[in-house]
């Protein structure tokens, strides 16, 4: 299992990995304790490029206190661990989160199309997320380095014939999409990796439903539209009030992948993210997604699914 984080300042790789993997494990321990040994046997890795995004954000004179950030992530995880039943991850519990508001998602639904019409989307993205705006300049050095970092880890596992689940959060989903497209269509990688498959891809709070974001994917640069052809199953989780995924369904936006038989399934799930960050509800929090019962079920189902073997061996 490879976990790819998203935008924004990130603590050191070890600290982010520890709290992220602890959240994934806590969800399985809560809902499927009898299967926890399967998770513990699996290789679970964080694909980290936070040092790169931190540099971009630092150049924009944004401030970051790493110790406070790590402490708050751990506090958020501790609070989520105290919710001891999967049935409690619903609207009643979510409505009790401090500072809960539907306004950011509402504004995103309204503002995003308007900015697109006025040609202001790039300025808005740059204001809200300078590192992601830099990534969307697909020829930038930052974008290249981030893709290289993610692609190297994915390819290392593909070359070992590992059975792979990719879990990506937020704008990291855009990076993963571009990398999967490269492996499927870029002549530099197709010969070695074009026929290899990612068994399961899970996107959490993904902005891929946004038309402006899709227009800046690597797949949008040539004539016509092509899609990654190396994913078998795609699961997409979108949290209520998470403005990053204000267009919260992807099955409709990528339905051509199914028609072209480039993917077996694209399934959308609407969930409630109960994370509280810095005293306020944060429905985009990676910790809240990682520990959610829906993701725990997807992981356990994947752990129980045997690899498919044919003659010759089909690597998944």
C-alpha atoms as a PDB file:
ATOM      1  CA  UNK A   1       0.000   0.000   0.000  1.00  0.00           C
ATOM      2  CA  UNK A   2       1.351   3.402  -1.036  1.00  0.00           C
ATOM      3  CA  UNK A   3      -0.081   6.531   0.605  1.00  0.00           C
ATOM      4  CA  UNK A   4       0.363   9.870  -1.189  1.00  0.00           C
ATOM      5  CA  UNK A   5      -0.304  13.093   0.739  1.00  0.00           C
ATOM      6  CA  UNK A   6      -1.638  16.361  -0.638  1.00  0.00           C
ATOM      7  CA  UNK A   7      -0.897  20.081  -0.649  1.00  0.00           C
ATOM      8  CA  UNK A   8       0.180  22.470   2.064  1.00  0.00           C
ATOM      9  CA  UNK A   9       2.973  22.544   4.605  1.00  0.00           C
ATOM     10  CA  UNK A  10       3.941  19.100   5.858  1.00  0.00           C
ATOM     11  CA  UNK A  11       5.998  17.996   8.863  1.00  0.00           C
ATOM     12  CA  UNK A  12       9.065  15.805   8.410  1.00  0.00           C
ATOM     13  CA  UNK A  13       8.512  12.545   6.580  1.00  0.00           C
ATOM     14  CA  UNK A  14       8.843  10.319   9.660  1.00  0.00           C
ATOM     15  CA  UNK A  15       6.337  12.330  11.692  1.00  0.00           C
ATOM     16  CA  UNK A  16       3.782  12.494   8.877  1.00  0.00           C
ATOM     17  CA  UNK A  17       4.195   8.793   8.119  1.00  0.00           C
ATOM     18  CA  UNK A  18       3.736   7.763  11.745  1.00  0.00           C
ATOM     19  CA  UNK A  19       0.493   9.661  12.305  1.00  0.00           C
ATOM     20  CA  UNK A  20      -0.918   8.768   8.870  1.00  0.00           C
ATOM     21  CA  UNK A  21      -0.261   5.050   9.174  1.00  0.00           C
ATOM     22  CA  UNK A  22      -1.474   5.083  12.786  1.00  0.00           C
ATOM     23  CA  UNK A  23      -4.802   6.500  11.575  1.00  0.00           C
ATOM     24  CA  UNK A  24      -5.149   3.803   8.904  1.00  0.00           C
ATOM     25  CA  UNK A  25      -4.376   1.088  11.428  1.00  0.00           C
ATOM     26  CA  UNK A  26      -6.739   2.543  14.042  1.00  0.00           C
ATOM     27  CA  UNK A  27      -9.674   2.346  11.630  1.00  0.00           C
ATOM     28  CA  UNK A  28      -9.042  -1.319  10.933  1.00  0.00           C
ATOM     29  CA  UNK A  29      -8.474  -2.084  14.603  1.00  0.00           C
ATOM     30  CA  UNK A  30     -11.820  -0.447  15.448  1.00  0.00           C
ATOM     31  CA  UNK A  31     -13.924  -2.172  12.772  1.00  0.00           C
ATOM     32  CA  UNK A  32     -12.051  -5.372  11.848  1.00  0.00           C
ATOM     33  CA  UNK A  33      -9.772  -6.346  14.749  1.00  0.00           C
ATOM     34  CA  UNK A  34      -9.789  -9.962  13.594  1.00  0.00           C
ATOM     35  CA  UNK A  35      -8.126  -8.865  10.337  1.00  0.00           C
ATOM     36  CA  UNK A  36      -5.570  -6.492  11.826  1.00  0.00           C
ATOM     37  CA  UNK A  37      -2.812  -9.069  11.344  1.00  0.00           C
ATOM     38  CA  UNK A  38      -3.308  -8.851   7.564  1.00  0.00           C
ATOM     39  CA  UNK A  39      -2.723  -5.116   7.634  1.00  0.00           C
ATOM     40  CA  UNK A  40       0.323  -5.539   9.863  1.00  0.00           C
ATOM     41  CA  UNK A  41       1.806  -8.008   7.365  1.00  0.00           C
ATOM     42  CA  UNK A  42       1.335  -5.645   4.439  1.00  0.00           C
ATOM     43  CA  UNK A  43       3.973  -3.152   3.363  1.00  0.00           C
ATOM     44  CA  UNK A  44       2.488   0.310   3.948  1.00  0.00           C
ATOM     45  CA  UNK A  45       4.569   3.279   2.826  1.00  0.00           C
ATOM     46  CA  UNK A  46       4.114   7.038   2.709  1.00  0.00           C
ATOM     47  CA  UNK A  47       5.214   8.661  -0.548  1.00  0.00           C
ATOM     48  CA  UNK A  48       6.560  11.987   0.671  1.00  0.00           C
ATOM     49  CA  UNK A  49       7.237  15.212  -1.199  1.00  0.00           C
ATOM     50  CA  UNK A  50       6.492  17.631   1.646  1.00  0.00           C
ATOM     51  CA  UNK A  51      10.010  19.004   1.534  1.00  0.00           C
ATOM     52  CA  UNK A  52       9.346  20.195  -2.013  1.00  0.00           C
ATOM     53  CA  UNK A  53       6.005  21.839  -1.236  1.00  0.00           C
ATOM     54  CA  UNK A  54       7.416  23.373   1.952  1.00  0.00           C
ATOM     55  CA  UNK A  55      10.095  25.091  -0.135  1.00  0.00           C
ATOM     56  CA  UNK A  56       7.522  26.570  -2.523  1.00  0.00           C
ATOM     57  CA  UNK A  57       5.344  27.797   0.337  1.00  0.00           C
ATOM     58  CA  UNK A  58       8.330  29.196   2.186  1.00  0.00           C
ATOM     59  CA  UNK A  59       9.249  31.234  -0.876  1.00  0.00           C
ATOM     60  CA  UNK A  60       5.734  32.704  -0.684  1.00  0.00           C
ATOM     61  CA  UNK A  61       6.572  33.811   2.868  1.00  0.00           C
ATOM     62  CA  UNK A  62       3.974  31.580   4.455  1.00  0.00           C
ATOM     63  CA  UNK A  63       4.661  30.521   8.043  1.00  0.00           C
ATOM     64  CA  UNK A  64       4.689  26.999   9.485  1.00  0.00           C
ATOM     65  CA  UNK A  65       5.267  25.728  13.018  1.00  0.00           C
ATOM     66  CA  UNK A  66       6.105  22.063  12.590  1.00  0.00           C
ATOM     67  CA  UNK A  67       5.934  21.101  16.265  1.00  0.00           C
ATOM     68  CA  UNK A  68       2.485  22.602  16.718  1.00  0.00           C
ATOM     69  CA  UNK A  69       1.265  20.999  13.481  1.00  0.00           C
ATOM     70  CA  UNK A  70       2.452  17.529  14.503  1.00  0.00           C
ATOM     71  CA  UNK A  71       0.940  17.955  17.953  1.00  0.00           C
ATOM     72  CA  UNK A  72      -2.404  18.972  16.484  1.00  0.00           C
ATOM     73  CA  UNK A  73      -2.407  16.006  14.080  1.00  0.00           C
ATOM     74  CA  UNK A  74      -1.825  13.685  17.026  1.00  0.00           C
ATOM     75  CA  UNK A  75      -4.577  15.366  19.024  1.00  0.00           C
ATOM     76  CA  UNK A  76      -6.979  14.977  16.103  1.00  0.00           C
ATOM     77  CA  UNK A  77      -6.112  11.288  15.854  1.00  0.00           C
ATOM     78  CA  UNK A  78      -6.583  10.783  19.588  1.00  0.00           C
ATOM     79  CA  UNK A  79     -10.071  12.304  19.426  1.00  0.00           C
ATOM     80  CA  UNK A  80     -11.003  10.154  16.446  1.00  0.00           C
ATOM     81  CA  UNK A  81      -9.728   7.015  18.139  1.00  0.00           C
ATOM     82  CA  UNK A  82     -12.170   7.703  20.982  1.00  0.00           C
ATOM     83  CA  UNK A  83     -15.066   7.158  18.556  1.00  0.00           C
ATOM     84  CA  UNK A  84     -15.320   3.420  19.072  1.00  0.00           C
ATOM     85  CA  UNK A  85     -18.039   2.383  16.589  1.00  0.00           C
ATOM     86  CA  UNK A  86     -18.244   2.755  12.830  1.00  0.00           C
ATOM     87  CA  UNK A  87     -21.944   3.666  13.034  1.00  0.00           C
ATOM     88  CA  UNK A  88     -20.981   6.888  14.823  1.00  0.00           C
ATOM     89  CA  UNK A  89     -19.261   8.267  11.715  1.00  0.00           C
ATOM     90  CA  UNK A  90     -22.530   9.799  10.524  1.00  0.00           C
ATOM     91  CA  UNK A  91     -24.300  13.107  10.265  1.00  0.00           C
ATOM     92  CA  UNK A  92     -25.386  13.291  13.918  1.00  0.00           C
ATOM     93  CA  UNK A  93     -21.800  13.095  15.157  1.00  0.00           C
ATOM     94  CA  UNK A  94     -20.594  15.383  12.385  1.00  0.00           C
ATOM     95  CA  UNK A  95     -23.144  18.068  13.257  1.00  0.00           C
ATOM     96  CA  UNK A  96     -21.575  18.275  16.723  1.00  0.00           C
ATOM     97  CA  UNK A  97     -18.123  19.196  15.413  1.00  0.00           C
ATOM     98  CA  UNK A  98     -17.051  22.660  16.573  1.00  0.00           C
ATOM     99  CA  UNK A  99     -17.121  25.288  13.874  1.00  0.00           C
ATOM    100  CA  UNK A 100     -18.776  22.997  11.338  1.00  0.00           C
ATOM    101  CA  UNK A 101     -19.820  24.976   8.274  1.00  0.00           C
ATOM    102  CA  UNK A 102     -21.150  24.205   4.819  1.00  0.00           C
ATOM    103  CA  UNK A 103     -20.157  27.677   3.599  1.00  0.00           C
ATOM    104  CA  UNK A 104     -16.732  26.824   2.078  1.00  0.00           C
ATOM    105  CA  UNK A 105     -18.177  24.025  -0.050  1.00  0.00           C
ATOM    106  CA  UNK A 106     -21.160  26.191  -1.039  1.00  0.00           C
ATOM    107  CA  UNK A 107     -18.848  28.987  -2.098  1.00  0.00           C
ATOM    108  CA  UNK A 108     -16.650  26.560  -4.016  1.00  0.00           C
ATOM    109  CA  UNK A 109     -19.682  25.267  -5.907  1.00  0.00           C
ATOM    110  CA  UNK A 110     -20.675  28.828  -6.756  1.00  0.00           C
ATOM    111  CA  UNK A 111     -17.322  30.539  -7.192  1.00  0.00           C
ATOM    112  CA  UNK A 112     -15.467  27.848  -9.176  1.00  0.00           C
ATOM    113  CA  UNK A 113     -17.734  27.990 -12.272  1.00  0.00           C
ATOM    114  CA  UNK A 114     -17.915  31.795 -12.080  1.00  0.00           C
ATOM    115  CA  UNK A 115     -14.143  32.148 -11.895  1.00  0.00           C
ATOM    116  CA  UNK A 116     -13.861  29.781 -14.837  1.00  0.00           C
ATOM    117  CA  UNK A 117     -16.106  31.996 -16.922  1.00  0.00           C
ATOM    118  CA  UNK A 118     -14.167  35.108 -15.922  1.00  0.00           C
ATOM    119  CA  UNK A 119     -10.752  33.509 -16.334  1.00  0.00           C
ATOM    120  CA  UNK A 120      -9.901  34.017 -12.667  1.00  0.00           C
ATOM    121  CA  UNK A 121      -9.479  30.407 -11.567  1.00  0.00           C
ATOM    122  CA  UNK A 122      -5.676  30.448 -11.765  1.00  0.00           C
ATOM    123  CA  UNK A 123      -5.516  33.522  -9.520  1.00  0.00           C
ATOM    124  CA  UNK A 124      -7.892  31.935  -7.013  1.00  0.00           C
ATOM    125  CA  UNK A 125      -5.928  28.686  -6.863  1.00  0.00           C
ATOM    126  CA  UNK A 126      -2.667  30.617  -6.476  1.00  0.00           C
ATOM    127  CA  UNK A 127      -4.121  32.556  -3.567  1.00  0.00           C
ATOM    128  CA  UNK A 128      -5.542  29.526  -1.758  1.00  0.00           C
ATOM    129  CA  UNK A 129      -2.778  27.045  -2.530  1.00  0.00           C
ATOM    130  CA  UNK A 130       0.472  28.419  -4.021  1.00  0.00           C
ATOM    131  CA  UNK A 131       2.138  25.007  -4.112  1.00  0.00           C
ATOM    132  CA  UNK A 132      -0.751  23.433  -6.026  1.00  0.00           C
ATOM    133  CA  UNK A 133      -0.858  26.401  -8.398  1.00  0.00           C
ATOM    134  CA  UNK A 134       2.820  25.779  -9.047  1.00  0.00           C
ATOM    135  CA  UNK A 135       2.106  22.113  -9.705  1.00  0.00           C
ATOM    136  CA  UNK A 136      -0.614  22.957 -12.237  1.00  0.00           C
ATOM    137  CA  UNK A 137       2.072  24.627 -14.305  1.00  0.00           C
ATOM    138  CA  UNK A 138       2.856  21.175 -15.622  1.00  0.00           C
ATOM    139  CA  UNK A 139       6.239  22.161 -17.090  1.00  0.00           C
ATOM    140  CA  UNK A 140       7.506  23.693 -13.849  1.00  0.00           C
ATOM    141  CA  UNK A 141      10.475  22.194 -12.066  1.00  0.00           C
ATOM    142  CA  UNK A 142       8.344  21.659  -8.975  1.00  0.00           C
ATOM    143  CA  UNK A 143       5.725  19.681 -10.901  1.00  0.00           C
ATOM    144  CA  UNK A 144       8.412  17.521 -12.497  1.00  0.00           C
ATOM    145  CA  UNK A 145      10.115  16.797  -9.190  1.00  0.00           C
ATOM    146  CA  UNK A 146       6.851  15.880  -7.456  1.00  0.00           C
ATOM    147  CA  UNK A 147       5.836  13.521 -10.263  1.00  0.00           C
ATOM    148  CA  UNK A 148       9.300  11.988 -10.274  1.00  0.00           C
ATOM    149  CA  UNK A 149       9.122  11.380  -6.519  1.00  0.00           C
ATOM    150  CA  UNK A 150       5.749   9.621  -6.746  1.00  0.00           C
ATOM    151  CA  UNK A 151       6.492   7.746  -9.955  1.00  0.00           C
ATOM    152  CA  UNK A 152       9.751   6.303  -8.625  1.00  0.00           C
ATOM    153  CA  UNK A 153       7.989   4.734  -5.650  1.00  0.00           C
ATOM    154  CA  UNK A 154       5.133   3.357  -7.751  1.00  0.00           C
ATOM    155  CA  UNK A 155       7.483   1.920 -10.359  1.00  0.00           C
ATOM    156  CA  UNK A 156       9.686   0.325  -7.708  1.00  0.00           C
ATOM    157  CA  UNK A 157       6.678  -1.656  -6.495  1.00  0.00           C
ATOM    158  CA  UNK A 158       5.477  -2.497  -9.991  1.00  0.00           C
ATOM    159  CA  UNK A 159       8.911  -3.875 -10.856  1.00  0.00           C
ATOM    160  CA  UNK A 160       8.714  -6.180  -7.829  1.00  0.00           C
ATOM    161  CA  UNK A 161       5.403  -7.535  -9.147  1.00  0.00           C
ATOM    162  CA  UNK A 162       3.739  -6.344  -5.956  1.00  0.00           C
ATOM    163  CA  UNK A 163      -0.016  -6.175  -5.662  1.00  0.00           C
ATOM    164  CA  UNK A 164      -0.614  -2.475  -5.099  1.00  0.00           C
ATOM    165  CA  UNK A 165      -3.204  -0.256  -3.462  1.00  0.00           C
ATOM    166  CA  UNK A 166      -2.685   3.472  -3.937  1.00  0.00           C
ATOM    167  CA  UNK A 167      -4.289   5.812  -1.394  1.00  0.00           C
ATOM    168  CA  UNK A 168      -4.041   9.498  -2.313  1.00  0.00           C
ATOM    169  CA  UNK A 169      -5.371  12.552  -0.510  1.00  0.00           C
ATOM    170  CA  UNK A 170      -6.479  15.913  -1.875  1.00  0.00           C
ATOM    171  CA  UNK A 171      -4.266  17.408  -4.546  1.00  0.00           C
ATOM    172  CA  UNK A 172      -2.036  14.339  -4.255  1.00  0.00           C
ATOM    173  CA  UNK A 173      -4.792  12.640  -6.280  1.00  0.00           C
ATOM    174  CA  UNK A 174      -3.954  14.942  -9.197  1.00  0.00           C
ATOM    175  CA  UNK A 175      -0.282  14.006  -8.949  1.00  0.00           C
ATOM    176  CA  UNK A 176      -1.132  10.298  -8.882  1.00  0.00           C
ATOM    177  CA  UNK A 177      -3.480  10.670 -11.859  1.00  0.00           C
ATOM    178  CA  UNK A 178      -0.712  12.338 -13.877  1.00  0.00           C
ATOM    179  CA  UNK A 179       1.787   9.631 -12.895  1.00  0.00           C
ATOM    180  CA  UNK A 180      -0.613   6.827 -13.828  1.00  0.00           C
ATOM    181  CA  UNK A 181      -1.259   8.550 -17.144  1.00  0.00           C
ATOM    182  CA  UNK A 182       2.484   8.812 -17.781  1.00  0.00           C
ATOM    183  CA  UNK A 183       2.959   5.102 -17.164  1.00  0.00           C
ATOM    184  CA  UNK A 184       0.119   4.352 -19.573  1.00  0.00           C
ATOM    185  CA  UNK A 185       0.932   6.776 -22.401  1.00  0.00           C
ATOM    186  CA  UNK A 186       4.335   8.430 -22.079  1.00  0.00           C
ATOM    187  CA  UNK A 187       6.760   6.714 -24.481  1.00  0.00           C
ATOM    188  CA  UNK A 188       9.493   6.919 -21.818  1.00  0.00           C
ATOM    189  CA  UNK A 189       7.602   4.482 -19.583  1.00  0.00           C
ATOM    190  CA  UNK A 190       5.084   2.533 -21.660  1.00  0.00           C
ATOM    191  CA  UNK A 191       7.408  -0.289 -22.707  1.00  0.00           C
ATOM    192  CA  UNK A 192       8.342  -1.151 -19.106  1.00  0.00           C
ATOM    193  CA  UNK A 193       5.140  -0.274 -17.282  1.00  0.00           C
ATOM    194  CA  UNK A 194       2.289   0.082 -19.777  1.00  0.00           C
ATOM    195  CA  UNK A 195       0.916  -3.410 -19.155  1.00  0.00           C
ATOM    196  CA  UNK A 196       1.306  -3.404 -15.375  1.00  0.00           C
ATOM    197  CA  UNK A 197      -1.720  -2.749 -13.189  1.00  0.00           C
ATOM    198  CA  UNK A 198      -2.573  -0.947  -9.966  1.00  0.00           C
ATOM    199  CA  UNK A 199      -5.132  -3.208  -8.324  1.00  0.00           C
ATOM    200  CA  UNK A 200      -6.954  -0.504  -6.333  1.00  0.00           C
ATOM    201  CA  UNK A 201      -6.746   3.278  -6.292  1.00  0.00           C
ATOM    202  CA  UNK A 202      -8.497   5.213  -3.513  1.00  0.00           C
ATOM    203  CA  UNK A 203      -8.916   8.981  -3.819  1.00  0.00           C
ATOM    204  CA  UNK A 204      -9.793  11.009  -0.713  1.00  0.00           C
ATOM    205  CA  UNK A 205     -11.100  14.559  -1.063  1.00  0.00           C
ATOM    206  CA  UNK A 206      -9.959  14.661  -4.693  1.00  0.00           C
ATOM    207  CA  UNK A 207     -10.413  17.840  -6.786  1.00  0.00           C
ATOM    208  CA  UNK A 208     -10.483  15.801 -10.002  1.00  0.00           C
ATOM    209  CA  UNK A 209     -14.166  16.595 -10.586  1.00  0.00           C
ATOM    210  CA  UNK A 210     -13.324  20.260 -11.142  1.00  0.00           C
ATOM    211  CA  UNK A 211     -13.272  21.197 -14.823  1.00  0.00           C
ATOM    212  CA  UNK A 212     -10.366  23.630 -14.449  1.00  0.00           C
ATOM    213  CA  UNK A 213      -8.249  20.990 -12.697  1.00  0.00           C
ATOM    214  CA  UNK A 214      -9.027  18.409 -15.383  1.00  0.00           C
ATOM    215  CA  UNK A 215      -7.990  20.890 -18.066  1.00  0.00           C
ATOM    216  CA  UNK A 216      -4.520  21.000 -16.477  1.00  0.00           C
ATOM    217  CA  UNK A 217      -3.929  17.261 -16.257  1.00  0.00           C
ATOM    218  CA  UNK A 218      -1.136  15.867 -18.410  1.00  0.00           C
ATOM    219  CA  UNK A 219      -3.762  13.921 -20.355  1.00  0.00           C
ATOM    220  CA  UNK A 220      -5.343  17.203 -21.528  1.00  0.00           C
ATOM    221  CA  UNK A 221      -2.240  18.437 -23.323  1.00  0.00           C
ATOM    222  CA  UNK A 222      -2.536  16.428 -26.538  1.00  0.00           C
ATOM    223  CA  UNK A 223      -5.282  16.020 -29.100  1.00  0.00           C
ATOM    224  CA  UNK A 224      -8.324  14.244 -27.766  1.00  0.00           C
ATOM    225  CA  UNK A 225      -8.658  12.832 -24.256  1.00  0.00           C
ATOM    226  CA  UNK A 226      -6.835   9.776 -22.983  1.00  0.00           C
ATOM    227  CA  UNK A 227      -6.989   8.152 -19.583  1.00  0.00           C
ATOM    228  CA  UNK A 228      -4.763   6.037 -17.374  1.00  0.00           C
ATOM    229  CA  UNK A 229      -5.142   2.429 -18.452  1.00  0.00           C
ATOM    230  CA  UNK A 230      -3.450   0.789 -15.469  1.00  0.00           C
ATOM    231  CA  UNK A 231      -6.076   0.914 -12.694  1.00  0.00           C
ATOM    232  CA  UNK A 232      -8.454  -1.975 -12.084  1.00  0.00           C
ATOM    233  CA  UNK A 233     -10.664  -0.524  -9.315  1.00  0.00           C
ATOM    234  CA  UNK A 234     -11.114   3.124  -8.385  1.00  0.00           C
ATOM    235  CA  UNK A 235     -12.830   4.173  -5.126  1.00  0.00           C
ATOM    236  CA  UNK A 236     -13.501   7.863  -4.451  1.00  0.00           C
ATOM    237  CA  UNK A 237     -14.397   9.212  -0.991  1.00  0.00           C
ATOM    238  CA  UNK A 238     -15.721  12.766  -0.682  1.00  0.00           C
ATOM    239  CA  UNK A 239     -16.585  14.270   2.692  1.00  0.00           C
ATOM    240  CA  UNK A 240     -19.554  16.507   3.349  1.00  0.00           C
ATOM    241  CA  UNK A 241     -18.464  20.184   3.300  1.00  0.00           C
ATOM    242  CA  UNK A 242     -15.009  19.385   1.916  1.00  0.00           C
ATOM    243  CA  UNK A 243     -14.628  22.266  -0.540  1.00  0.00           C
ATOM    244  CA  UNK A 244     -11.558  20.702  -2.172  1.00  0.00           C
ATOM    245  CA  UNK A 245     -13.838  18.071  -3.702  1.00  0.00           C
ATOM    246  CA  UNK A 246     -16.856  20.375  -4.155  1.00  0.00           C
ATOM    247  CA  UNK A 247     -17.686  18.326  -7.276  1.00  0.00           C
ATOM    248  CA  UNK A 248     -17.890  15.191  -5.190  1.00  0.00           C
ATOM    249  CA  UNK A 249     -18.592  12.495  -7.788  1.00  0.00           C
ATOM    250  CA  UNK A 250     -15.999  11.219 -10.247  1.00  0.00           C
ATOM    251  CA  UNK A 251     -17.834   8.305 -11.854  1.00  0.00           C
ATOM    252  CA  UNK A 252     -19.713  10.762 -14.104  1.00  0.00           C
ATOM    253  CA  UNK A 253     -16.629  12.815 -15.002  1.00  0.00           C
ATOM    254  CA  UNK A 254     -14.607   9.711 -15.910  1.00  0.00           C
ATOM    255  CA  UNK A 255     -17.387   7.555 -17.341  1.00  0.00           C
ATOM    256  CA  UNK A 256     -15.469   7.301 -20.629  1.00  0.00           C
ATOM    257  CA  UNK A 257     -12.844   5.259 -18.784  1.00  0.00           C
ATOM    258  CA  UNK A 258     -15.515   2.609 -18.238  1.00  0.00           C
ATOM    259  CA  UNK A 259     -16.783   2.800 -21.798  1.00  0.00           C
ATOM    260  CA  UNK A 260     -13.230   2.425 -23.082  1.00  0.00           C
ATOM    261  CA  UNK A 261     -12.646  -0.425 -20.595  1.00  0.00           C
ATOM    262  CA  UNK A 262      -9.674   1.415 -19.164  1.00  0.00           C
ATOM    263  CA  UNK A 263     -10.922   0.674 -15.629  1.00  0.00           C
ATOM    264  CA  UNK A 264     -13.237  -1.973 -14.173  1.00  0.00           C
ATOM    265  CA  UNK A 265     -15.121   0.257 -11.740  1.00  0.00           C
ATOM    266  CA  UNK A 266     -15.296   3.829 -10.450  1.00  0.00           C
ATOM    267  CA  UNK A 267     -17.271   4.064  -7.217  1.00  0.00           C
ATOM    268  CA  UNK A 268     -18.156   7.242  -5.338  1.00  0.00           C
ATOM    269  CA  UNK A 269     -18.879   7.408  -1.599  1.00  0.00           C
ATOM    270  CA  UNK A 270     -20.220  10.388   0.341  1.00  0.00           C
ATOM    271  CA  UNK A 271     -18.825  10.340   3.887  1.00  0.00           C
ATOM    272  CA  UNK A 272     -18.556  12.488   7.013  1.00  0.00           C
ATOM    273  CA  UNK A 273     -15.062  13.493   8.088  1.00  0.00           C
ATOM    274  CA  UNK A 274     -15.088  13.991  11.860  1.00  0.00           C
ATOM    275  CA  UNK A 275     -11.591  15.442  12.241  1.00  0.00           C
ATOM    276  CA  UNK A 276     -11.076  18.579  14.293  1.00  0.00           C
ATOM    277  CA  UNK A 277      -7.927  20.558  13.518  1.00  0.00           C
ATOM    278  CA  UNK A 278      -6.878  23.511  15.656  1.00  0.00           C
ATOM    279  CA  UNK A 279     -10.233  23.478  17.452  1.00  0.00           C
ATOM    280  CA  UNK A 280     -12.389  23.550  14.331  1.00  0.00           C
ATOM    281  CA  UNK A 281     -14.066  20.991  12.101  1.00  0.00           C
ATOM    282  CA  UNK A 282     -11.837  20.171   9.120  1.00  0.00           C
ATOM    283  CA  UNK A 283     -13.712  17.942   6.658  1.00  0.00           C
ATOM    284  CA  UNK A 284     -10.665  17.785   4.368  1.00  0.00           C
ATOM    285  CA  UNK A 285      -8.307  16.438   7.033  1.00  0.00           C
ATOM    286  CA  UNK A 286      -6.307  13.429   5.887  1.00  0.00           C
ATOM    287  CA  UNK A 287      -6.482  11.934   9.397  1.00  0.00           C
ATOM    288  CA  UNK A 288     -10.283  11.990   9.281  1.00  0.00           C
ATOM    289  CA  UNK A 289     -10.297  10.265   5.898  1.00  0.00           C
ATOM    290  CA  UNK A 290      -7.680   7.652   6.855  1.00  0.00           C
ATOM    291  CA  UNK A 291      -9.578   6.486   9.945  1.00  0.00           C
ATOM    292  CA  UNK A 292     -13.018   6.505   8.301  1.00  0.00           C
ATOM    293  CA  UNK A 293     -14.957   3.201   8.287  1.00  0.00           C
ATOM    294  CA  UNK A 294     -15.478   3.284   4.521  1.00  0.00           C
ATOM    295  CA  UNK A 295     -11.745   3.345   3.861  1.00  0.00           C
ATOM    296  CA  UNK A 296     -11.170   0.647   6.486  1.00  0.00           C
ATOM    297  CA  UNK A 297     -13.626  -1.624   4.656  1.00  0.00           C
ATOM    298  CA  UNK A 298     -12.011  -0.968   1.278  1.00  0.00           C
ATOM    299  CA  UNK A 299      -8.588  -1.822   2.713  1.00  0.00           C
ATOM    300  CA  UNK A 300      -9.775  -5.020   4.417  1.00  0.00           C
ATOM    301  CA  UNK A 301     -11.606  -6.148   1.265  1.00  0.00           C
ATOM    302  CA  UNK A 302      -8.418  -5.524  -0.715  1.00  0.00           C
ATOM    303  CA  UNK A 303      -6.306  -7.453   1.775  1.00  0.00           C
ATOM    304  CA  UNK A 304      -8.637 -10.423   1.391  1.00  0.00           C
ATOM    305  CA  UNK A 305      -8.668 -10.370  -2.417  1.00  0.00           C
ATOM    306  CA  UNK A 306      -6.164 -12.855  -3.881  1.00  0.00           C
ATOM    307  CA  UNK A 307      -3.886 -11.909  -6.736  1.00  0.00           C
ATOM    308  CA  UNK A 308      -5.036 -12.993 -10.187  1.00  0.00           C
ATOM    309  CA  UNK A 309      -2.688 -15.410 -11.883  1.00  0.00           C
ATOM    310  CA  UNK A 310      -2.874 -16.442 -15.509  1.00  0.00           C
ATOM    311  CA  UNK A 311      -0.389 -17.784 -17.999  1.00  0.00           C
ATOM    312  CA  UNK A 312       1.644 -15.644 -18.448  1.00  0.00           C
ATOM    313  CA  UNK A 313       1.427 -13.998 -15.029  1.00  0.00           C
ATOM    314  CA  UNK A 314      -0.630 -10.804 -14.968  1.00  0.00           C
ATOM    315  CA  UNK A 315       1.056  -8.510 -12.483  1.00  0.00           C
ATOM    316  CA  UNK A 316      -1.295  -6.542 -10.243  1.00  0.00           C
END
